[in-house]
Amino acid sequence: MNLPSPLRLHKSEIAANFFEPDMSESLLVLCLQSLSHGWGMLINTFEDLEPHHLSHFRSLTGKPIWSIGPVLPPSFAGKAGRGKMADISEDELVPWLDSQRPRSVVYVSFGSHAFLSKRQTVALARGLEASGQPFVWAIKVTPKLEPSTADSAADGIQSHFPDGFEERMKNKGLGLIIWGWAPQLLILSHPSVGAFMTHCGWNSTLESITLGVPLITWPMSGDQNFNSKQVAEQFGIGIQFCQHRDGIPDEKRVKEVVRLVLTEDEGEEMRRRAKKLKEMTSKAVGEGGSSKVNLQAFVSEMS
């Protein structure tokens, strides 16, 4: 497809169904078929973030392509979030964040579909503790534990932690664990947060870009490997530390990447680039910005 800025992916980083003899029912093929029969497409990105890819896509399809992102909740003012009601109150969360130094906290969340095994949880917990950096860790509980997440989690997933981990982190003021849904945009917008450890789903990636926060990535499936490489190699605002849904993080690697992003010069450079992207995002969605103009053009075409 002669991509303008190709990223090299290992075979293991590509979804297995790409290599199946019959891909006719794959989600990707169905999406492409839908586009071929459709009139145009709205994309959750913005022109200055991916100008060459958008231009190439328009040329390739010959159809109208409107980039209208980042698409965030209408009420977003730094305190909104996607998904369900948060499992922690602002009265508990904000004072804890206020007590931390600026850009010292890593926010850890792997989306709503990833459930870490005991080995994964232990390795990640040990690495975070060894880093010495404060963290907020949103842990999605297994479906059988919902909806009473806070109480049931203590009987299940909590046992995955190293002995005494949660109590040590609480006593030292280093770790705040949220069982279930977290107000992600509120957390990422807080001045004490300096990094986002994420599965690199596109929604979370765009939210981090919108708020100027560098990413520490663990891509697990789907487009996440591509997003992770794009964040690191093209945007220059992230670093990867693990891979695949069944990957086991290396504890020393976790410690290294957290400290690199939050305390070292390389992390400072990531923050500088992330700040620039944040400014570009604000411009895109502001009056006269590319995303706002594109959305208005789409509405006009549909009228």
C-alpha atoms as a PDB file:
ATOM      1  CA  MET A   1       0.000   0.000   0.000  1.00  0.00           C
ATOM      2  CA  ASN A   2       3.104   2.224  -0.121  1.00  0.00           C
ATOM      3  CA  LEU A   3       2.532   3.815   3.254  1.00  0.00           C
ATOM      4  CA  PRO A   4       4.194   7.252   3.495  1.00  0.00           C
ATOM      5  CA  SER A   5       5.749   6.552   6.922  1.00  0.00           C
ATOM      6  CA  PRO A   6       5.900   2.773   7.284  1.00  0.00           C
ATOM      7  CA  LEU A   7       6.498   1.118  10.633  1.00  0.00           C
ATOM      8  CA  ARG A   8       8.114  -2.308  10.719  1.00  0.00           C
ATOM      9  CA  LEU A   9       6.081  -4.929  12.566  1.00  0.00           C
ATOM     10  CA  HIS A  10       7.312  -8.406  13.403  1.00  0.00           C
ATOM     11  CA  LYS A  11       4.998 -11.263  12.409  1.00  0.00           C
ATOM     12  CA  SER A  12       4.285 -11.864  16.112  1.00  0.00           C
ATOM     13  CA  GLU A  13       2.966  -8.301  16.378  1.00  0.00           C
ATOM     14  CA  ILE A  14       0.293  -8.820  13.742  1.00  0.00           C
ATOM     15  CA  ALA A  15      -3.093 -10.380  14.502  1.00  0.00           C
ATOM     16  CA  ALA A  16      -3.076 -14.100  13.727  1.00  0.00           C
ATOM     17  CA  ASN A  17      -6.104 -13.919  11.411  1.00  0.00           C
ATOM     18  CA  PHE A  18      -4.019 -11.948   8.920  1.00  0.00           C
ATOM     19  CA  PHE A  19      -2.266 -15.208   8.100  1.00  0.00           C
ATOM     20  CA  GLU A  20      -5.362 -17.361   7.753  1.00  0.00           C
ATOM     21  CA  PRO A  21      -6.184 -18.647   4.246  1.00  0.00           C
ATOM     22  CA  ASP A  22      -9.664 -17.145   4.333  1.00  0.00           C
ATOM     23  CA  MET A  23      -9.840 -13.613   5.713  1.00  0.00           C
ATOM     24  CA  SER A  24     -13.177 -12.816   4.082  1.00  0.00           C
ATOM     25  CA  GLU A  25     -14.966 -12.570   7.433  1.00  0.00           C
ATOM     26  CA  SER A  26     -12.222 -10.722   9.335  1.00  0.00           C
ATOM     27  CA  LEU A  27     -13.121  -7.400  10.947  1.00  0.00           C
ATOM     28  CA  LEU A  28     -10.486  -5.556   8.914  1.00  0.00           C
ATOM     29  CA  VAL A  29     -11.774  -6.891   5.587  1.00  0.00           C
ATOM     30  CA  LEU A  30     -15.366  -6.140   6.552  1.00  0.00           C
ATOM     31  CA  CYS A  31     -14.387  -2.568   7.480  1.00  0.00           C
ATOM     32  CA  LEU A  32     -12.559  -2.073   4.170  1.00  0.00           C
ATOM     33  CA  GLN A  33     -15.506  -3.500   2.264  1.00  0.00           C
ATOM     34  CA  SER A  34     -17.822  -1.156   4.115  1.00  0.00           C
ATOM     35  CA  LEU A  35     -15.631   1.795   3.141  1.00  0.00           C
ATOM     36  CA  SER A  36     -15.527   0.693  -0.500  1.00  0.00           C
ATOM     37  CA  HIS A  37     -19.335   0.748  -0.599  1.00  0.00           C
ATOM     38  CA  GLY A  38     -19.647   3.860   1.534  1.00  0.00           C
ATOM     39  CA  TRP A  39     -19.524   7.522   0.690  1.00  0.00           C
ATOM     40  CA  GLY A  40     -16.796   8.629   3.093  1.00  0.00           C
ATOM     41  CA  MET A  41     -15.340   8.199   6.556  1.00  0.00           C
ATOM     42  CA  LEU A  42     -14.975  10.075   9.850  1.00  0.00           C
ATOM     43  CA  ILE A  43     -11.684   9.336  11.651  1.00  0.00           C
ATOM     44  CA  ASN A  44     -10.795  10.003  15.275  1.00  0.00           C
ATOM     45  CA  THR A  45      -7.471  11.734  14.657  1.00  0.00           C
ATOM     46  CA  PHE A  46      -6.391  15.197  13.519  1.00  0.00           C
ATOM     47  CA  GLU A  47      -4.545  16.575  10.514  1.00  0.00           C
ATOM     48  CA  ASP A  48      -1.339  17.744  12.199  1.00  0.00           C
ATOM     49  CA  LEU A  49      -0.892  14.422  14.010  1.00  0.00           C
ATOM     50  CA  GLU A  50      -1.004  12.180  10.930  1.00  0.00           C
ATOM     51  CA  PRO A  51      -0.922  14.426   7.841  1.00  0.00           C
ATOM     52  CA  HIS A  52       0.867  12.013   5.495  1.00  0.00           C
ATOM     53  CA  HIS A  53      -1.248   9.002   6.431  1.00  0.00           C
ATOM     54  CA  LEU A  54      -4.478  10.962   5.995  1.00  0.00           C
ATOM     55  CA  SER A  55      -3.353  12.313   2.629  1.00  0.00           C
ATOM     56  CA  HIS A  56      -2.366   8.803   1.517  1.00  0.00           C
ATOM     57  CA  PHE A  57      -5.680   7.336   2.678  1.00  0.00           C
ATOM     58  CA  ARG A  58      -7.637   9.964   0.743  1.00  0.00           C
ATOM     59  CA  SER A  59      -5.592   9.265  -2.375  1.00  0.00           C
ATOM     60  CA  LEU A  60      -5.945   5.498  -1.937  1.00  0.00           C
ATOM     61  CA  THR A  61      -9.730   5.490  -1.463  1.00  0.00           C
ATOM     62  CA  GLY A  62     -10.707   8.459  -3.604  1.00  0.00           C
ATOM     63  CA  LYS A  63     -13.371   9.223  -1.002  1.00  0.00           C
ATOM     64  CA  PRO A  64     -13.945  12.062   1.478  1.00  0.00           C
ATOM     65  CA  ILE A  65     -12.049  11.436   4.708  1.00  0.00           C
ATOM     66  CA  TRP A  66     -12.780  13.791   7.601  1.00  0.00           C
ATOM     67  CA  SER A  67     -10.421  13.791  10.579  1.00  0.00           C
ATOM     68  CA  ILE A  68     -12.445  15.165  13.485  1.00  0.00           C
ATOM     69  CA  GLY A  69     -10.453  14.089  16.555  1.00  0.00           C
ATOM     70  CA  PRO A  70      -9.743  13.869  19.288  1.00  0.00           C
ATOM     71  CA  VAL A  71     -13.324  12.893  20.082  1.00  0.00           C
ATOM     72  CA  LEU A  72     -13.833  13.476  23.807  1.00  0.00           C
ATOM     73  CA  PRO A  73     -16.916  13.773  26.031  1.00  0.00           C
ATOM     74  CA  PRO A  74     -18.813  17.038  25.366  1.00  0.00           C
ATOM     75  CA  SER A  75     -18.472  17.964  29.041  1.00  0.00           C
ATOM     76  CA  PHE A  76     -14.686  17.485  29.023  1.00  0.00           C
ATOM     77  CA  ALA A  77     -12.952  20.203  30.986  1.00  0.00           C
ATOM     78  CA  GLY A  78     -10.276  18.060  32.568  1.00  0.00           C
ATOM     79  CA  LYS A  79     -12.746  16.331  34.872  1.00  0.00           C
ATOM     80  CA  ALA A  80     -14.825  14.087  32.633  1.00  0.00           C
ATOM     81  CA  GLY A  81     -14.221  10.538  31.533  1.00  0.00           C
ATOM     82  CA  ARG A  82     -15.371   7.724  29.281  1.00  0.00           C
ATOM     83  CA  GLY A  83     -17.274   4.676  30.423  1.00  0.00           C
ATOM     84  CA  LYS A  84     -19.119   3.948  33.640  1.00  0.00           C
ATOM     85  CA  MET A  85     -19.324   5.778  36.929  1.00  0.00           C
ATOM     86  CA  ALA A  86     -15.883   5.884  38.551  1.00  0.00           C
ATOM     87  CA  ASP A  87     -15.205   3.532  41.469  1.00  0.00           C
ATOM     88  CA  ILE A  88     -13.455   6.285  43.436  1.00  0.00           C
ATOM     89  CA  SER A  89     -14.725   9.705  44.453  1.00  0.00           C
ATOM     90  CA  GLU A  90     -12.989  12.940  43.509  1.00  0.00           C
ATOM     91  CA  ASP A  91     -12.850  13.749  47.229  1.00  0.00           C
ATOM     92  CA  GLU A  92     -10.554  10.758  47.726  1.00  0.00           C
ATOM     93  CA  LEU A  93      -8.613  10.915  44.463  1.00  0.00           C
ATOM     94  CA  VAL A  94      -7.797  14.604  44.059  1.00  0.00           C
ATOM     95  CA  PRO A  95      -6.270  15.190  47.528  1.00  0.00           C
ATOM     96  CA  TRP A  96      -4.021  12.161  46.999  1.00  0.00           C
ATOM     97  CA  LEU A  97      -2.854  13.530  43.648  1.00  0.00           C
ATOM     98  CA  ASP A  98      -2.446  17.005  45.161  1.00  0.00           C
ATOM     99  CA  SER A  99      -0.066  15.554  47.754  1.00  0.00           C
ATOM    100  CA  GLN A 100       2.397  14.344  45.071  1.00  0.00           C
ATOM    101  CA  ARG A 101       5.156  16.310  43.356  1.00  0.00           C
ATOM    102  CA  PRO A 102       4.482  17.694  39.838  1.00  0.00           C
ATOM    103  CA  ARG A 103       4.995  15.130  37.054  1.00  0.00           C
ATOM    104  CA  SER A 104       6.027  12.415  39.529  1.00  0.00           C
ATOM    105  CA  VAL A 105       3.065  10.008  39.269  1.00  0.00           C
ATOM    106  CA  VAL A 106       2.590   7.203  36.757  1.00  0.00           C
ATOM    107  CA  TYR A 107      -1.019   6.331  35.980  1.00  0.00           C
ATOM    108  CA  VAL A 108      -1.443   2.616  35.215  1.00  0.00           C
ATOM    109  CA  SER A 109      -4.440   1.297  33.289  1.00  0.00           C
ATOM    110  CA  PHE A 110      -4.785  -1.344  30.584  1.00  0.00           C
ATOM    111  CA  GLY A 111      -8.316  -0.638  29.441  1.00  0.00           C
ATOM    112  CA  SER A 112     -11.584  -2.399  30.033  1.00  0.00           C
ATOM    113  CA  HIS A 113     -10.804  -5.747  28.404  1.00  0.00           C
ATOM    114  CA  ALA A 114      -7.421  -6.720  29.863  1.00  0.00           C
ATOM    115  CA  PHE A 115      -7.366  -8.877  32.998  1.00  0.00           C
ATOM    116  CA  LEU A 116      -3.849  -9.486  34.312  1.00  0.00           C
ATOM    117  CA  SER A 117      -2.808 -12.901  35.592  1.00  0.00           C
ATOM    118  CA  LYS A 118      -1.151 -13.378  38.968  1.00  0.00           C
ATOM    119  CA  ARG A 119       2.332 -13.601  37.397  1.00  0.00           C
ATOM    120  CA  GLN A 120       1.731 -10.417  35.400  1.00  0.00           C
ATOM    121  CA  THR A 121       0.341  -8.563  38.412  1.00  0.00           C
ATOM    122  CA  VAL A 122       3.205  -9.600  40.702  1.00  0.00           C
ATOM    123  CA  ALA A 123       5.876  -8.625  38.171  1.00  0.00           C
ATOM    124  CA  LEU A 124       4.274  -5.264  37.479  1.00  0.00           C
ATOM    125  CA  ALA A 125       3.711  -4.536  41.183  1.00  0.00           C
ATOM    126  CA  ARG A 126       7.333  -5.333  42.057  1.00  0.00           C
ATOM    127  CA  GLY A 127       8.608  -3.167  39.246  1.00  0.00           C
ATOM    128  CA  LEU A 128       6.438  -0.229  40.285  1.00  0.00           C
ATOM    129  CA  GLU A 129       7.518  -0.567  43.911  1.00  0.00           C
ATOM    130  CA  ALA A 130      11.191  -0.775  42.922  1.00  0.00           C
ATOM    131  CA  SER A 131      10.896   2.429  40.862  1.00  0.00           C
ATOM    132  CA  GLY A 132      10.139   4.425  44.001  1.00  0.00           C
ATOM    133  CA  GLN A 133       7.716   6.591  42.010  1.00  0.00           C
ATOM    134  CA  PRO A 134       4.126   7.151  43.143  1.00  0.00           C
ATOM    135  CA  PHE A 135       1.430   5.557  41.037  1.00  0.00           C
ATOM    136  CA  VAL A 136      -2.312   5.322  40.531  1.00  0.00           C
ATOM    137  CA  TRP A 137      -3.242   1.832  39.339  1.00  0.00           C
ATOM    138  CA  ALA A 138      -6.726   1.235  37.941  1.00  0.00           C
ATOM    139  CA  ILE A 139      -7.380  -2.508  37.971  1.00  0.00           C
ATOM    140  CA  LYS A 140     -10.247  -3.799  35.898  1.00  0.00           C
ATOM    141  CA  VAL A 141     -11.843  -6.623  37.840  1.00  0.00           C
ATOM    142  CA  THR A 142     -13.044  -9.856  36.261  1.00  0.00           C
ATOM    143  CA  PRO A 143     -16.700  -9.975  35.184  1.00  0.00           C
ATOM    144  CA  LYS A 144     -17.629 -12.474  37.913  1.00  0.00           C
ATOM    145  CA  LEU A 145     -16.644  -9.886  40.527  1.00  0.00           C
ATOM    146  CA  GLU A 146     -18.815  -7.092  39.195  1.00  0.00           C
ATOM    147  CA  PRO A 147     -20.782  -5.047  40.030  1.00  0.00           C
ATOM    148  CA  SER A 148     -19.634  -4.909  43.661  1.00  0.00           C
ATOM    149  CA  THR A 149     -16.061  -4.287  42.601  1.00  0.00           C
ATOM    150  CA  ALA A 150     -14.571  -2.704  45.685  1.00  0.00           C
ATOM    151  CA  ASP A 151     -15.630  -5.447  48.105  1.00  0.00           C
ATOM    152  CA  SER A 152     -15.293  -8.502  45.863  1.00  0.00           C
ATOM    153  CA  ALA A 153     -11.892  -7.540  44.473  1.00  0.00           C
ATOM    154  CA  ALA A 154     -10.355  -7.860  47.922  1.00  0.00           C
ATOM    155  CA  ASP A 155     -11.331 -11.534  47.931  1.00  0.00           C
ATOM    156  CA  GLY A 156      -9.975 -12.244  44.434  1.00  0.00           C
ATOM    157  CA  ILE A 157      -7.486 -10.164  42.480  1.00  0.00           C
ATOM    158  CA  GLN A 158      -6.012  -8.587  45.592  1.00  0.00           C
ATOM    159  CA  SER A 159      -4.410 -11.945  46.380  1.00  0.00           C
ATOM    160  CA  HIS A 160      -2.378 -11.571  43.169  1.00  0.00           C
ATOM    161  CA  PHE A 161      -0.254  -8.853  44.763  1.00  0.00           C
ATOM    162  CA  PRO A 162       3.075  -9.598  46.455  1.00  0.00           C
ATOM    163  CA  ASP A 163       2.643 -10.069  50.217  1.00  0.00           C
ATOM    164  CA  GLY A 164       1.827  -6.788  51.933  1.00  0.00           C
ATOM    165  CA  PHE A 165       2.114  -4.772  48.713  1.00  0.00           C
ATOM    166  CA  GLU A 166      -1.080  -2.741  48.924  1.00  0.00           C
ATOM    167  CA  GLU A 167      -0.592  -1.951  52.610  1.00  0.00           C
ATOM    168  CA  ARG A 168       3.042  -0.884  52.073  1.00  0.00           C
ATOM    169  CA  MET A 169       2.113   1.392  49.197  1.00  0.00           C
ATOM    170  CA  LYS A 170      -0.711   2.949  51.199  1.00  0.00           C
ATOM    171  CA  ASN A 171       1.442   3.514  54.278  1.00  0.00           C
ATOM    172  CA  LYS A 172       4.217   5.100  52.220  1.00  0.00           C
ATOM    173  CA  GLY A 173       1.783   7.225  50.240  1.00  0.00           C
ATOM    174  CA  LEU A 174       3.231   5.781  47.033  1.00  0.00           C
ATOM    175  CA  GLY A 175       0.362   3.802  45.572  1.00  0.00           C
ATOM    176  CA  LEU A 176      -3.345   4.430  45.090  1.00  0.00           C
ATOM    177  CA  ILE A 177      -5.224   1.412  43.727  1.00  0.00           C
ATOM    178  CA  ILE A 178      -8.625   1.829  42.097  1.00  0.00           C
ATOM    179  CA  TRP A 179     -10.689  -1.359  41.778  1.00  0.00           C
ATOM    180  CA  GLY A 180     -12.708  -1.011  38.587  1.00  0.00           C
ATOM    181  CA  TRP A 181     -13.423   2.160  36.626  1.00  0.00           C
ATOM    182  CA  ALA A 182     -11.204   5.202  37.055  1.00  0.00           C
ATOM    183  CA  PRO A 183     -11.865   8.813  35.964  1.00  0.00           C
ATOM    184  CA  GLN A 184      -9.071   8.640  33.398  1.00  0.00           C
ATOM    185  CA  LEU A 185      -9.285  12.161  31.998  1.00  0.00           C
ATOM    186  CA  LEU A 186      -9.320  13.653  35.474  1.00  0.00           C
ATOM    187  CA  ILE A 187      -6.204  11.686  36.408  1.00  0.00           C
ATOM    188  CA  LEU A 188      -4.298  12.417  33.191  1.00  0.00           C
ATOM    189  CA  SER A 189      -5.099  16.131  33.453  1.00  0.00           C
ATOM    190  CA  HIS A 190      -3.702  16.449  36.986  1.00  0.00           C
ATOM    191  CA  PRO A 191      -0.323  18.248  37.222  1.00  0.00           C
ATOM    192  CA  SER A 192       1.191  15.502  39.398  1.00  0.00           C
ATOM    193  CA  VAL A 193       0.809  12.899  36.632  1.00  0.00           C
ATOM    194  CA  GLY A 194       3.871  12.573  34.409  1.00  0.00           C
ATOM    195  CA  ALA A 195       3.362   9.267  32.594  1.00  0.00           C
ATOM    196  CA  PHE A 196       0.605   6.924  31.471  1.00  0.00           C
ATOM    197  CA  MET A 197       1.288   3.159  31.495  1.00  0.00           C
ATOM    198  CA  THR A 198      -1.196   1.827  28.961  1.00  0.00           C
ATOM    199  CA  HIS A 199      -2.144  -0.935  26.513  1.00  0.00           C
ATOM    200  CA  CYS A 200      -1.999   1.790  23.854  1.00  0.00           C
ATOM    201  CA  GLY A 201      -5.559   1.514  22.613  1.00  0.00           C
ATOM    202  CA  TRP A 202      -6.272   4.429  20.297  1.00  0.00           C
ATOM    203  CA  ASN A 203      -8.780   6.172  22.582  1.00  0.00           C
ATOM    204  CA  SER A 204      -6.360   6.112  25.519  1.00  0.00           C
ATOM    205  CA  THR A 205      -3.479   7.163  23.262  1.00  0.00           C
ATOM    206  CA  LEU A 206      -5.406  10.181  22.000  1.00  0.00           C
ATOM    207  CA  GLU A 207      -6.455  11.143  25.520  1.00  0.00           C
ATOM    208  CA  SER A 208      -2.820  11.084  26.625  1.00  0.00           C
ATOM    209  CA  ILE A 209      -1.798  13.175  23.608  1.00  0.00           C
ATOM    210  CA  THR A 210      -4.618  15.648  24.273  1.00  0.00           C
ATOM    211  CA  LEU A 211      -3.377  16.137  27.842  1.00  0.00           C
ATOM    212  CA  GLY A 212       0.351  16.158  27.046  1.00  0.00           C
ATOM    213  CA  VAL A 213       1.299  13.009  28.977  1.00  0.00           C
ATOM    214  CA  PRO A 214       4.063  10.623  27.724  1.00  0.00           C
ATOM    215  CA  LEU A 215       3.194   6.946  27.423  1.00  0.00           C
ATOM    216  CA  ILE A 216       4.756   3.735  28.778  1.00  0.00           C
ATOM    217  CA  THR A 217       3.263   1.013  26.624  1.00  0.00           C
ATOM    218  CA  TRP A 218       2.319  -2.645  26.846  1.00  0.00           C
ATOM    219  CA  PRO A 219       0.441  -3.408  23.605  1.00  0.00           C
ATOM    220  CA  MET A 220      -1.656  -6.550  23.922  1.00  0.00           C
ATOM    221  CA  SER A 221      -3.766  -7.046  20.793  1.00  0.00           C
ATOM    222  CA  GLY A 222      -5.341  -5.544  17.689  1.00  0.00           C
ATOM    223  CA  ASP A 223      -3.979  -2.175  16.586  1.00  0.00           C
ATOM    224  CA  GLN A 224      -2.113  -1.638  19.847  1.00  0.00           C
ATOM    225  CA  ASN A 225       1.274  -2.816  18.524  1.00  0.00           C
ATOM    226  CA  PHE A 226       1.057  -0.344  15.658  1.00  0.00           C
ATOM    227  CA  ASN A 227      -0.070   2.438  18.012  1.00  0.00           C
ATOM    228  CA  SER A 228       2.804   1.676  20.387  1.00  0.00           C
ATOM    229  CA  LYS A 229       5.401   1.883  17.617  1.00  0.00           C
ATOM    230  CA  GLN A 230       3.842   5.056  16.289  1.00  0.00           C
ATOM    231  CA  VAL A 231       3.936   6.655  19.741  1.00  0.00           C
ATOM    232  CA  ALA A 232       7.612   5.752  20.215  1.00  0.00           C
ATOM    233  CA  GLU A 233       9.080   6.046  16.718  1.00  0.00           C
ATOM    234  CA  GLN A 234       7.006   8.728  15.001  1.00  0.00           C
ATOM    235  CA  PHE A 235       5.614  10.898  17.796  1.00  0.00           C
ATOM    236  CA  GLY A 236       8.585  10.433  20.138  1.00  0.00           C
ATOM    237  CA  ILE A 237       6.445  10.476  23.299  1.00  0.00           C
ATOM    238  CA  GLY A 238       6.577   6.888  24.510  1.00  0.00           C
ATOM    239  CA  ILE A 239       8.523   3.755  25.318  1.00  0.00           C
ATOM    240  CA  GLN A 240       7.465   0.086  25.306  1.00  0.00           C
ATOM    241  CA  PHE A 241       8.244  -2.306  28.169  1.00  0.00           C
ATOM    242  CA  CYS A 242       6.211  -5.452  27.446  1.00  0.00           C
ATOM    243  CA  GLN A 243       4.161  -7.046  24.679  1.00  0.00           C
ATOM    244  CA  HIS A 244       1.224  -9.394  24.053  1.00  0.00           C
ATOM    245  CA  ARG A 245      -1.751 -10.235  26.230  1.00  0.00           C
ATOM    246  CA  ASP A 246       0.119 -13.165  27.800  1.00  0.00           C
ATOM    247  CA  GLY A 247       3.475 -11.362  28.163  1.00  0.00           C
ATOM    248  CA  ILE A 248       5.168 -11.252  31.564  1.00  0.00           C
ATOM    249  CA  PRO A 249       6.765  -7.875  32.385  1.00  0.00           C
ATOM    250  CA  ASP A 250      10.409  -7.860  33.429  1.00  0.00           C
ATOM    251  CA  GLU A 251      10.508  -6.224  36.867  1.00  0.00           C
ATOM    252  CA  LYS A 252      13.801  -4.416  36.190  1.00  0.00           C
ATOM    253  CA  ARG A 253      12.475  -3.149  32.866  1.00  0.00           C
ATOM    254  CA  VAL A 254       9.360  -1.770  34.564  1.00  0.00           C
ATOM    255  CA  LYS A 255      11.528   0.075  37.083  1.00  0.00           C
ATOM    256  CA  GLU A 256      13.818   1.415  34.342  1.00  0.00           C
ATOM    257  CA  VAL A 257      11.124   2.782  32.038  1.00  0.00           C
ATOM    258  CA  VAL A 258       9.152   4.400  34.858  1.00  0.00           C
ATOM    259  CA  ARG A 259      12.235   6.175  36.159  1.00  0.00           C
ATOM    260  CA  LEU A 260      13.375   7.069  32.632  1.00  0.00           C
ATOM    261  CA  VAL A 261      10.123   8.819  31.745  1.00  0.00           C
ATOM    262  CA  LEU A 262       9.626  10.513  35.114  1.00  0.00           C
ATOM    263  CA  THR A 263      13.158  11.423  36.207  1.00  0.00           C
ATOM    264  CA  GLU A 264      15.629  11.376  33.297  1.00  0.00           C
ATOM    265  CA  ASP A 265      16.507  13.686  30.396  1.00  0.00           C
ATOM    266  CA  GLU A 266      14.966  11.344  27.820  1.00  0.00           C
ATOM    267  CA  GLY A 267      11.672  11.560  29.664  1.00  0.00           C
ATOM    268  CA  GLU A 268      11.941  15.335  29.765  1.00  0.00           C
ATOM    269  CA  GLU A 269      12.333  15.337  25.987  1.00  0.00           C
ATOM    270  CA  MET A 270       9.217  13.165  25.689  1.00  0.00           C
ATOM    271  CA  ARG A 271       7.332  15.691  27.815  1.00  0.00           C
ATOM    272  CA  ARG A 272       8.511  18.514  25.581  1.00  0.00           C
ATOM    273  CA  ARG A 273       7.201  16.721  22.499  1.00  0.00           C
ATOM    274  CA  ALA A 274       3.987  15.748  24.302  1.00  0.00           C
ATOM    275  CA  LYS A 275       3.420  19.388  25.243  1.00  0.00           C
ATOM    276  CA  LYS A 276       3.804  20.390  21.600  1.00  0.00           C
ATOM    277  CA  LEU A 277       1.282  17.753  20.528  1.00  0.00           C
ATOM    278  CA  LYS A 278      -1.101  18.963  23.231  1.00  0.00           C
ATOM    279  CA  GLU A 279      -0.907  22.461  21.776  1.00  0.00           C
ATOM    280  CA  MET A 280      -1.547  21.066  18.284  1.00  0.00           C
ATOM    281  CA  THR A 281      -4.570  19.189  19.612  1.00  0.00           C
ATOM    282  CA  SER A 282      -6.053  22.312  21.178  1.00  0.00           C
ATOM    283  CA  LYS A 283      -5.580  24.151  17.918  1.00  0.00           C
ATOM    284  CA  ALA A 284      -7.237  21.360  15.911  1.00  0.00           C
ATOM    285  CA  VAL A 285     -10.446  21.368  17.951  1.00  0.00           C
ATOM    286  CA  GLY A 286     -10.533  25.134  18.480  1.00  0.00           C
ATOM    287  CA  GLU A 287     -12.297  27.726  16.385  1.00  0.00           C
ATOM    288  CA  GLY A 288     -10.964  27.511  12.842  1.00  0.00           C
ATOM    289  CA  GLY A 289      -8.992  24.353  13.658  1.00  0.00           C
ATOM    290  CA  SER A 290      -8.804  21.454  11.216  1.00  0.00           C
ATOM    291  CA  SER A 291     -11.010  19.049  13.182  1.00  0.00           C
ATOM    292  CA  LYS A 292     -13.701  21.622  13.785  1.00  0.00           C
ATOM    293  CA  VAL A 293     -13.643  22.734  10.150  1.00  0.00           C
ATOM    294  CA  ASN A 294     -13.789  19.102   8.992  1.00  0.00           C
ATOM    295  CA  LEU A 295     -16.745  18.336  11.239  1.00  0.00           C
ATOM    296  CA  GLN A 296     -18.578  21.416   9.969  1.00  0.00           C
ATOM    297  CA  ALA A 297     -17.815  20.350   6.381  1.00  0.00           C
ATOM    298  CA  PHE A 298     -19.201  16.866   7.080  1.00  0.00           C
ATOM    299  CA  VAL A 299     -22.400  18.293   8.593  1.00  0.00           C
ATOM    300  CA  SER A 300     -22.746  20.608   5.610  1.00  0.00           C
ATOM    301  CA  GLU A 301     -22.356  17.695   3.181  1.00  0.00           C
ATOM    302  CA  MET A 302     -25.014  15.733   5.052  1.00  0.00           C
ATOM    303  CA  SER A 303     -27.513  18.613   5.084  1.00  0.00           C
END
